[in-house]
Amino acid sequence: MENTNHSVIGPMSSLAVTDLAGIGATLGKRLQERGFDKAEVLLGQFLILKMNKDLFEAWLNDIAGFNKRQASEVYMCLLEWCEEFL
């Protein structure tokens, strides 16, 4: 079952990529196989793409086969974290 709560409280360094909204076991494994095993690593990619929704969602689709809904959930999760902590 996927995490659908967009809120992440606290540091990203302690979280697995599957702790983020929209990322279940299957998508998490695909990301992990490509080196995105921790939430902080995925956050880094999000920031590299300048928090651009279209670019980030397209990247998630390209790298791991996310659909629009899944990618949007991850985007919102990371955006909300950034708005709260950056």
PDB file of N, CA and C in Angstrom:
ATOM      1  N   MET A   1       0.839  -1.178   0.000  1.00  0.00           N
ATOM      2  CA  MET A   1       0.000   0.000   0.000  1.00  0.00           C
ATOM      3  C   MET A   1       0.884   1.241   0.000  1.00  0.00           C
ATOM      4  N   GLU A   2       0.518   2.229  -0.799  1.00  0.00           N
ATOM      5  CA  GLU A   2       1.326   3.432  -0.919  1.00  0.00           C
ATOM      6  C   GLU A   2       1.014   4.408   0.200  1.00  0.00           C
ATOM      7  N   ASN A   3       2.030   5.174   0.564  1.00  0.00           N
ATOM      8  CA  ASN A   3       1.870   6.241   1.522  1.00  0.00           C
ATOM      9  C   ASN A   3       1.159   7.394   0.831  1.00  0.00           C
ATOM     10  N   THR A   4      -0.033   7.789   1.302  1.00  0.00           N
ATOM     11  CA  THR A   4      -0.775   8.874   0.671  1.00  0.00           C
ATOM     12  C   THR A   4      -0.773  10.141   1.510  1.00  0.00           C
ATOM     13  N   ASN A   5      -0.126  10.128   2.641  1.00  0.00           N
ATOM     14  CA  ASN A   5       0.010  11.315   3.464  1.00  0.00           C
ATOM     15  C   ASN A   5       1.141  12.158   2.892  1.00  0.00           C
ATOM     16  N   HIS A   6       0.852  13.398   2.561  1.00  0.00           N
ATOM     17  CA  HIS A   6       1.868  14.248   1.958  1.00  0.00           C
ATOM     18  C   HIS A   6       2.837  14.814   2.983  1.00  0.00           C
ATOM     19  N   SER A   7       2.502  14.760   4.248  1.00  0.00           N
ATOM     20  CA  SER A   7       3.331  15.388   5.271  1.00  0.00           C
ATOM     21  C   SER A   7       4.522  14.529   5.657  1.00  0.00           C
ATOM     22  N   VAL A   8       5.677  15.141   5.648  1.00  0.00           N
ATOM     23  CA  VAL A   8       6.887  14.516   6.163  1.00  0.00           C
ATOM     24  C   VAL A   8       7.393  15.455   7.251  1.00  0.00           C
ATOM     25  N   ILE A   9       7.473  14.935   8.445  1.00  0.00           N
ATOM     26  CA  ILE A   9       7.913  15.745   9.575  1.00  0.00           C
ATOM     27  C   ILE A   9       9.351  15.382   9.894  1.00  0.00           C
ATOM     28  N   GLY A  10      10.210  16.377   9.919  1.00  0.00           N
ATOM     29  CA  GLY A  10      11.580  16.143  10.318  1.00  0.00           C
ATOM     30  C   GLY A  10      12.531  15.962   9.151  1.00  0.00           C
ATOM     31  N   PRO A  11      13.741  15.518   9.476  1.00  0.00           N
ATOM     32  CA  PRO A  11      14.792  15.435   8.461  1.00  0.00           C
ATOM     33  C   PRO A  11      14.563  14.317   7.449  1.00  0.00           C
ATOM     34  N   MET A  12      14.946  14.594   6.217  1.00  0.00           N
ATOM     35  CA  MET A  12      14.839  13.604   5.141  1.00  0.00           C
ATOM     36  C   MET A  12      15.902  12.520   5.283  1.00  0.00           C
ATOM     37  N   SER A  13      16.991  12.821   5.969  1.00  0.00           N
ATOM     38  CA  SER A  13      18.113  11.885   6.035  1.00  0.00           C
ATOM     39  C   SER A  13      17.761  10.565   6.705  1.00  0.00           C
ATOM     40  N   SER A  14      16.723  10.558   7.511  1.00  0.00           N
ATOM     41  CA  SER A  14      16.362   9.330   8.220  1.00  0.00           C
ATOM     42  C   SER A  14      15.305   8.506   7.487  1.00  0.00           C
ATOM     43  N   LEU A  15      14.873   8.960   6.316  1.00  0.00           N
ATOM     44  CA  LEU A  15      13.769   8.308   5.629  1.00  0.00           C
ATOM     45  C   LEU A  15      14.212   7.517   4.406  1.00  0.00           C
ATOM     46  N   ALA A  16      13.571   6.380   4.215  1.00  0.00           N
ATOM     47  CA  ALA A  16      13.738   5.633   2.964  1.00  0.00           C
ATOM     48  C   ALA A  16      12.887   6.314   1.904  1.00  0.00           C
ATOM     49  N   VAL A  17      13.209   6.083   0.656  1.00  0.00           N
ATOM     50  CA  VAL A  17      12.441   6.690  -0.428  1.00  0.00           C
ATOM     51  C   VAL A  17      10.973   6.247  -0.370  1.00  0.00           C
ATOM     52  N   THR A  18      10.705   5.059   0.131  1.00  0.00           N
ATOM     53  CA  THR A  18       9.333   4.553   0.233  1.00  0.00           C
ATOM     54  C   THR A  18       8.532   5.219   1.346  1.00  0.00           C
ATOM     55  N   ASP A  19       9.169   6.032   2.166  1.00  0.00           N
ATOM     56  CA  ASP A  19       8.455   6.784   3.196  1.00  0.00           C
ATOM     57  C   ASP A  19       7.759   8.016   2.628  1.00  0.00           C
ATOM     58  N   LEU A  20       8.031   8.344   1.375  1.00  0.00           N
ATOM     59  CA  LEU A  20       7.408   9.505   0.745  1.00  0.00           C
ATOM     60  C   LEU A  20       6.070   9.123   0.126  1.00  0.00           C
ATOM     61  N   ALA A  21       5.141  10.071   0.107  1.00  0.00           N
ATOM     62  CA  ALA A  21       3.829   9.854  -0.492  1.00  0.00           C
ATOM     63  C   ALA A  21       3.975   9.452  -1.951  1.00  0.00           C
ATOM     64  N   GLY A  22       3.161   8.499  -2.383  1.00  0.00           N
ATOM     65  CA  GLY A  22       3.142   8.086  -3.775  1.00  0.00           C
ATOM     66  C   GLY A  22       4.140   7.005  -4.144  1.00  0.00           C
ATOM     67  N   ILE A  23       5.002   6.613  -3.187  1.00  0.00           N
ATOM     68  CA  ILE A  23       6.033   5.628  -3.503  1.00  0.00           C
ATOM     69  C   ILE A  23       5.815   4.372  -2.663  1.00  0.00           C
ATOM     70  N   GLY A  24       5.320   3.338  -3.327  1.00  0.00           N
ATOM     71  CA  GLY A  24       5.146   2.052  -2.686  1.00  0.00           C
ATOM     72  C   GLY A  24       6.364   1.175  -2.919  1.00  0.00           C
ATOM     73  N   ALA A  25       6.237  -0.097  -2.627  1.00  0.00           N
ATOM     74  CA  ALA A  25       7.363  -1.026  -2.719  1.00  0.00           C
ATOM     75  C   ALA A  25       7.905  -1.159  -4.143  1.00  0.00           C
ATOM     76  N   THR A  26       7.023  -1.270  -5.126  1.00  0.00           N
ATOM     77  CA  THR A  26       7.462  -1.478  -6.511  1.00  0.00           C
ATOM     78  C   THR A  26       8.208  -0.270  -7.051  1.00  0.00           C
ATOM     79  N   LEU A  27       7.608   0.903  -6.915  1.00  0.00           N
ATOM     80  CA  LEU A  27       8.266   2.118  -7.401  1.00  0.00           C
ATOM     81  C   LEU A  27       9.520   2.411  -6.583  1.00  0.00           C
ATOM     82  N   GLY A  28       9.454   2.141  -5.290  1.00  0.00           N
ATOM     83  CA  GLY A  28      10.622   2.337  -4.444  1.00  0.00           C
ATOM     84  C   GLY A  28      11.789   1.475  -4.889  1.00  0.00           C
ATOM     85  N   LYS A  29      11.503   0.234  -5.249  1.00  0.00           N
ATOM     86  CA  LYS A  29      12.561  -0.663  -5.712  1.00  0.00           C
ATOM     87  C   LYS A  29      13.170  -0.153  -7.015  1.00  0.00           C
ATOM     88  N   ARG A  30      12.326   0.333  -7.920  1.00  0.00           N
ATOM     89  CA  ARG A  30      12.838   0.884  -9.180  1.00  0.00           C
ATOM     90  C   ARG A  30      13.764   2.078  -8.924  1.00  0.00           C
ATOM     91  N   LEU A  31      13.360   2.945  -8.008  1.00  0.00           N
ATOM     92  CA  LEU A  31      14.205   4.097  -7.671  1.00  0.00           C
ATOM     93  C   LEU A  31      15.505   3.639  -7.015  1.00  0.00           C
ATOM     94  N   GLN A  32      15.401   2.700  -6.088  1.00  0.00           N
ATOM     95  CA  GLN A  32      16.585   2.200  -5.396  1.00  0.00           C
ATOM     96  C   GLN A  32      17.582   1.589  -6.371  1.00  0.00           C
ATOM     97  N   GLU A  33      17.084   0.880  -7.362  1.00  0.00           N
ATOM     98  CA  GLU A  33      17.961   0.262  -8.362  1.00  0.00           C
ATOM     99  C   GLU A  33      18.718   1.307  -9.179  1.00  0.00           C
ATOM    100  N   ARG A  34      18.198   2.528  -9.221  1.00  0.00           N
ATOM    101  CA  ARG A  34      18.831   3.613  -9.967  1.00  0.00           C
ATOM    102  C   ARG A  34      19.576   4.590  -9.058  1.00  0.00           C
ATOM    103  N   GLY A  35      19.763   4.179  -7.787  1.00  0.00           N
ATOM    104  CA  GLY A  35      20.564   4.965  -6.866  1.00  0.00           C
ATOM    105  C   GLY A  35      19.804   5.945  -5.997  1.00  0.00           C
ATOM    106  N   PHE A  36      18.485   5.956  -6.094  1.00  0.00           N
ATOM    107  CA  PHE A  36      17.664   6.869  -5.298  1.00  0.00           C
ATOM    108  C   PHE A  36      17.024   6.090  -4.161  1.00  0.00           C
ATOM    109  N   ASP A  37      17.860   5.701  -3.186  1.00  0.00           N
ATOM    110  CA  ASP A  37      17.401   4.830  -2.106  1.00  0.00           C
ATOM    111  C   ASP A  37      16.893   5.581  -0.884  1.00  0.00           C
ATOM    112  N   LYS A  38      17.293   6.819  -0.741  1.00  0.00           N
ATOM    113  CA  LYS A  38      16.915   7.626   0.421  1.00  0.00           C
ATOM    114  C   LYS A  38      16.084   8.827  -0.020  1.00  0.00           C
ATOM    115  N   ALA A  39      15.205   9.271   0.870  1.00  0.00           N
ATOM    116  CA  ALA A  39      14.373  10.436   0.572  1.00  0.00           C
ATOM    117  C   ALA A  39      15.239  11.664   0.283  1.00  0.00           C
ATOM    118  N   GLU A  40      16.352  11.790   0.992  1.00  0.00           N
ATOM    119  CA  GLU A  40      17.213  12.961   0.788  1.00  0.00           C
ATOM    120  C   GLU A  40      17.843  12.970  -0.605  1.00  0.00           C
ATOM    121  N   VAL A  41      18.097  11.806  -1.180  1.00  0.00           N
ATOM    122  CA  VAL A  41      18.659  11.725  -2.528  1.00  0.00           C
ATOM    123  C   VAL A  41      17.607  12.170  -3.552  1.00  0.00           C
ATOM    124  N   LEU A  42      16.369  11.724  -3.348  1.00  0.00           N
ATOM    125  CA  LEU A  42      15.288  12.142  -4.237  1.00  0.00           C
ATOM    126  C   LEU A  42      15.012  13.642  -4.074  1.00  0.00           C
ATOM    127  N   LEU A  43      15.100  14.131  -2.862  1.00  0.00           N
ATOM    128  CA  LEU A  43      14.960  15.573  -2.621  1.00  0.00           C
ATOM    129  C   LEU A  43      16.022  16.347  -3.394  1.00  0.00           C
ATOM    130  N   GLY A  44      17.236  15.834  -3.420  1.00  0.00           N
ATOM    131  CA  GLY A  44      18.298  16.483  -4.176  1.00  0.00           C
ATOM    132  C   GLY A  44      17.954  16.601  -5.650  1.00  0.00           C
ATOM    133  N   GLN A  45      17.408  15.542  -6.238  1.00  0.00           N
ATOM    134  CA  GLN A  45      16.997  15.584  -7.644  1.00  0.00           C
ATOM    135  C   GLN A  45      15.871  16.592  -7.840  1.00  0.00           C
ATOM    136  N   PHE A  46      14.947  16.627  -6.904  1.00  0.00           N
ATOM    137  CA  PHE A  46      13.837  17.588  -6.926  1.00  0.00           C
ATOM    138  C   PHE A  46      14.377  19.018  -6.954  1.00  0.00           C
ATOM    139  N   LEU A  47      15.385  19.275  -6.142  1.00  0.00           N
ATOM    140  CA  LEU A  47      15.983  20.612  -6.094  1.00  0.00           C
ATOM    141  C   LEU A  47      16.798  20.911  -7.347  1.00  0.00           C
ATOM    142  N   ILE A  48      17.510  19.910  -7.873  1.00  0.00           N
ATOM    143  CA  ILE A  48      18.266  20.087  -9.117  1.00  0.00           C
ATOM    144  C   ILE A  48      17.325  20.504 -10.249  1.00  0.00           C
ATOM    145  N   LEU A  49      16.135  19.928 -10.255  1.00  0.00           N
ATOM    146  CA  LEU A  49      15.144  20.264 -11.274  1.00  0.00           C
ATOM    147  C   LEU A  49      14.357  21.529 -10.904  1.00  0.00           C
ATOM    148  N   LYS A  50      14.872  22.269  -9.938  1.00  0.00           N
ATOM    149  CA  LYS A  50      14.345  23.567  -9.515  1.00  0.00           C
ATOM    150  C   LYS A  50      12.888  23.513  -9.069  1.00  0.00           C
ATOM    151  N   MET A  51      12.506  22.382  -8.472  1.00  0.00           N
ATOM    152  CA  MET A  51      11.165  22.182  -7.934  1.00  0.00           C
ATOM    153  C   MET A  51      10.093  22.387  -9.007  1.00  0.00           C
ATOM    154  N   ASN A  52      10.455  22.164 -10.253  1.00  0.00           N
ATOM    155  CA  ASN A  52       9.530  22.322 -11.376  1.00  0.00           C
ATOM    156  C   ASN A  52       8.662  21.068 -11.491  1.00  0.00           C
ATOM    157  N   LYS A  53       7.365  21.247 -11.334  1.00  0.00           N
ATOM    158  CA  LYS A  53       6.419  20.125 -11.313  1.00  0.00           C
ATOM    159  C   LYS A  53       6.495  19.283 -12.586  1.00  0.00           C
ATOM    160  N   ASP A  54       6.423  19.918 -13.731  1.00  0.00           N
ATOM    161  CA  ASP A  54       6.417  19.174 -14.991  1.00  0.00           C
ATOM    162  C   ASP A  54       7.720  18.406 -15.202  1.00  0.00           C
ATOM    163  N   LEU A  55       8.847  19.050 -14.949  1.00  0.00           N
ATOM    164  CA  LEU A  55      10.144  18.388 -15.124  1.00  0.00           C
ATOM    165  C   LEU A  55      10.308  17.213 -14.168  1.00  0.00           C
ATOM    166  N   PHE A  56       9.951  17.429 -12.897  1.00  0.00           N
ATOM    167  CA  PHE A  56      10.123  16.380 -11.893  1.00  0.00           C
ATOM    168  C   PHE A  56       9.215  15.188 -12.180  1.00  0.00           C
ATOM    169  N   GLU A  57       7.964  15.448 -12.505  1.00  0.00           N
ATOM    170  CA  GLU A  57       7.038  14.352 -12.789  1.00  0.00           C
ATOM    171  C   GLU A  57       7.465  13.583 -14.038  1.00  0.00           C
ATOM    172  N   ALA A  58       7.923  14.292 -15.060  1.00  0.00           N
ATOM    173  CA  ALA A  58       8.406  13.622 -16.278  1.00  0.00           C
ATOM    174  C   ALA A  58       9.642  12.780 -15.961  1.00  0.00           C
ATOM    175  N   TRP A  59      10.517  13.302 -15.120  1.00  0.00           N
ATOM    176  CA  TRP A  59      11.720  12.568 -14.726  1.00  0.00           C
ATOM    177  C   TRP A  59      11.339  11.278 -13.985  1.00  0.00           C
ATOM    178  N   LEU A  60      10.386  11.368 -13.050  1.00  0.00           N
ATOM    179  CA  LEU A  60       9.936  10.174 -12.326  1.00  0.00           C
ATOM    180  C   LEU A  60       9.355   9.137 -13.281  1.00  0.00           C
ATOM    181  N   ASN A  61       8.607   9.597 -14.267  1.00  0.00           N
ATOM    182  CA  ASN A  61       8.053   8.681 -15.260  1.00  0.00           C
ATOM    183  C   ASN A  61       9.167   8.021 -16.064  1.00  0.00           C
ATOM    184  N   ASP A  62      10.132   8.814 -16.494  1.00  0.00           N
ATOM    185  CA  ASP A  62      11.231   8.290 -17.314  1.00  0.00           C
ATOM    186  C   ASP A  62      12.113   7.306 -16.555  1.00  0.00           C
ATOM    187  N   ILE A  63      12.447   7.631 -15.319  1.00  0.00           N
ATOM    188  CA  ILE A  63      13.410   6.813 -14.575  1.00  0.00           C
ATOM    189  C   ILE A  63      12.776   5.580 -13.938  1.00  0.00           C
ATOM    190  N   ALA A  64      11.487   5.674 -13.564  1.00  0.00           N
ATOM    191  CA  ALA A  64      10.915   4.560 -12.804  1.00  0.00           C
ATOM    192  C   ALA A  64       9.471   4.216 -13.174  1.00  0.00           C
ATOM    193  N   GLY A  65       8.931   4.825 -14.208  1.00  0.00           N
ATOM    194  CA  GLY A  65       7.595   4.459 -14.656  1.00  0.00           C
ATOM    195  C   GLY A  65       6.447   4.954 -13.802  1.00  0.00           C
ATOM    196  N   PHE A  66       6.633   6.065 -13.101  1.00  0.00           N
ATOM    197  CA  PHE A  66       5.548   6.631 -12.299  1.00  0.00           C
ATOM    198  C   PHE A  66       4.430   7.096 -13.219  1.00  0.00           C
ATOM    199  N   ASN A  67       3.186   6.908 -12.794  1.00  0.00           N
ATOM    200  CA  ASN A  67       2.086   7.513 -13.539  1.00  0.00           C
ATOM    201  C   ASN A  67       1.878   8.938 -13.011  1.00  0.00           C
ATOM    202  N   LYS A  68       0.985   9.667 -13.636  1.00  0.00           N
ATOM    203  CA  LYS A  68       0.774  11.088 -13.291  1.00  0.00           C
ATOM    204  C   LYS A  68       0.360  11.264 -11.825  1.00  0.00           C
ATOM    205  N   ARG A  69      -0.555  10.426 -11.343  1.00  0.00           N
ATOM    206  CA  ARG A  69      -1.027  10.553  -9.959  1.00  0.00           C
ATOM    207  C   ARG A  69       0.094  10.283  -8.965  1.00  0.00           C
ATOM    208  N   GLN A  70       0.843   9.213  -9.188  1.00  0.00           N
ATOM    209  CA  GLN A  70       1.943   8.860  -8.287  1.00  0.00           C
ATOM    210  C   GLN A  70       2.997   9.970  -8.269  1.00  0.00           C
ATOM    211  N   ALA A  71       3.365  10.442  -9.449  1.00  0.00           N
ATOM    212  CA  ALA A  71       4.380  11.487  -9.547  1.00  0.00           C
ATOM    213  C   ALA A  71       3.904  12.771  -8.874  1.00  0.00           C
ATOM    214  N   SER A  72       2.632  13.077  -9.025  1.00  0.00           N
ATOM    215  CA  SER A  72       2.072  14.277  -8.401  1.00  0.00           C
ATOM    216  C   SER A  72       2.105  14.176  -6.880  1.00  0.00           C
ATOM    217  N   GLU A  73       1.832  12.992  -6.349  1.00  0.00           N
ATOM    218  CA  GLU A  73       1.874  12.794  -4.894  1.00  0.00           C
ATOM    219  C   GLU A  73       3.291  13.012  -4.354  1.00  0.00           C
ATOM    220  N   VAL A  74       4.280  12.487  -5.059  1.00  0.00           N
ATOM    221  CA  VAL A  74       5.670  12.670  -4.628  1.00  0.00           C
ATOM    222  C   VAL A  74       6.044  14.147  -4.715  1.00  0.00           C
ATOM    223  N   TYR A  75       5.678  14.776  -5.812  1.00  0.00           N
ATOM    224  CA  TYR A  75       5.967  16.199  -5.988  1.00  0.00           C
ATOM    225  C   TYR A  75       5.383  17.018  -4.831  1.00  0.00           C
ATOM    226  N   MET A  76       4.106  16.793  -4.519  1.00  0.00           N
ATOM    227  CA  MET A  76       3.456  17.553  -3.446  1.00  0.00           C
ATOM    228  C   MET A  76       4.115  17.292  -2.099  1.00  0.00           C
ATOM    229  N   CYS A  77       4.494  16.069  -1.841  1.00  0.00           N
ATOM    230  CA  CYS A  77       5.167  15.712  -0.597  1.00  0.00           C
ATOM    231  C   CYS A  77       6.467  16.497  -0.452  1.00  0.00           C
ATOM    232  N   LEU A  78       7.282  16.494  -1.502  1.00  0.00           N
ATOM    233  CA  LEU A  78       8.568  17.194  -1.444  1.00  0.00           C
ATOM    234  C   LEU A  78       8.381  18.702  -1.423  1.00  0.00           C
ATOM    235  N   LEU A  79       7.414  19.213  -2.172  1.00  0.00           N
ATOM    236  CA  LEU A  79       7.147  20.652  -2.168  1.00  0.00           C
ATOM    237  C   LEU A  79       6.723  21.123  -0.788  1.00  0.00           C
ATOM    238  N   GLU A  80       5.819  20.391  -0.158  1.00  0.00           N
ATOM    239  CA  GLU A  80       5.367  20.762   1.189  1.00  0.00           C
ATOM    240  C   GLU A  80       6.513  20.713   2.187  1.00  0.00           C
ATOM    241  N   TRP A  81       7.384  19.723   2.061  1.00  0.00           N
ATOM    242  CA  TRP A  81       8.534  19.638   2.962  1.00  0.00           C
ATOM    243  C   TRP A  81       9.430  20.856   2.765  1.00  0.00           C
ATOM    244  N   CYS A  82       9.688  21.210   1.523  1.00  0.00           N
ATOM    245  CA  CYS A  82      10.538  22.360   1.222  1.00  0.00           C
ATOM    246  C   CYS A  82       9.942  23.655   1.755  1.00  0.00           C
ATOM    247  N   GLU A  83       8.649  23.814   1.585  1.00  0.00           N
ATOM    248  CA  GLU A  83       7.976  25.016   2.077  1.00  0.00           C
ATOM    249  C   GLU A  83       8.044  25.102   3.592  1.00  0.00           C
ATOM    250  N   GLU A  84       8.044  23.972   4.250  1.00  0.00           N
ATOM    251  CA  GLU A  84       8.098  23.942   5.715  1.00  0.00           C
ATOM    252  C   GLU A  84       9.508  24.116   6.267  1.00  0.00           C
ATOM    253  N   PHE A  85      10.498  23.524   5.599  1.00  0.00           N
ATOM    254  CA  PHE A  85      11.830  23.442   6.206  1.00  0.00           C
ATOM    255  C   PHE A  85      12.930  24.204   5.487  1.00  0.00           C
ATOM    256  N   LEU A  86      12.709  24.680   4.271  1.00  0.00           N
ATOM    257  CA  LEU A  86      13.767  25.436   3.574  1.00  0.00           C
ATOM    258  C   LEU A  86      13.489  26.917   3.613  1.00  0.00           C
TER     259      LEU A  86
END
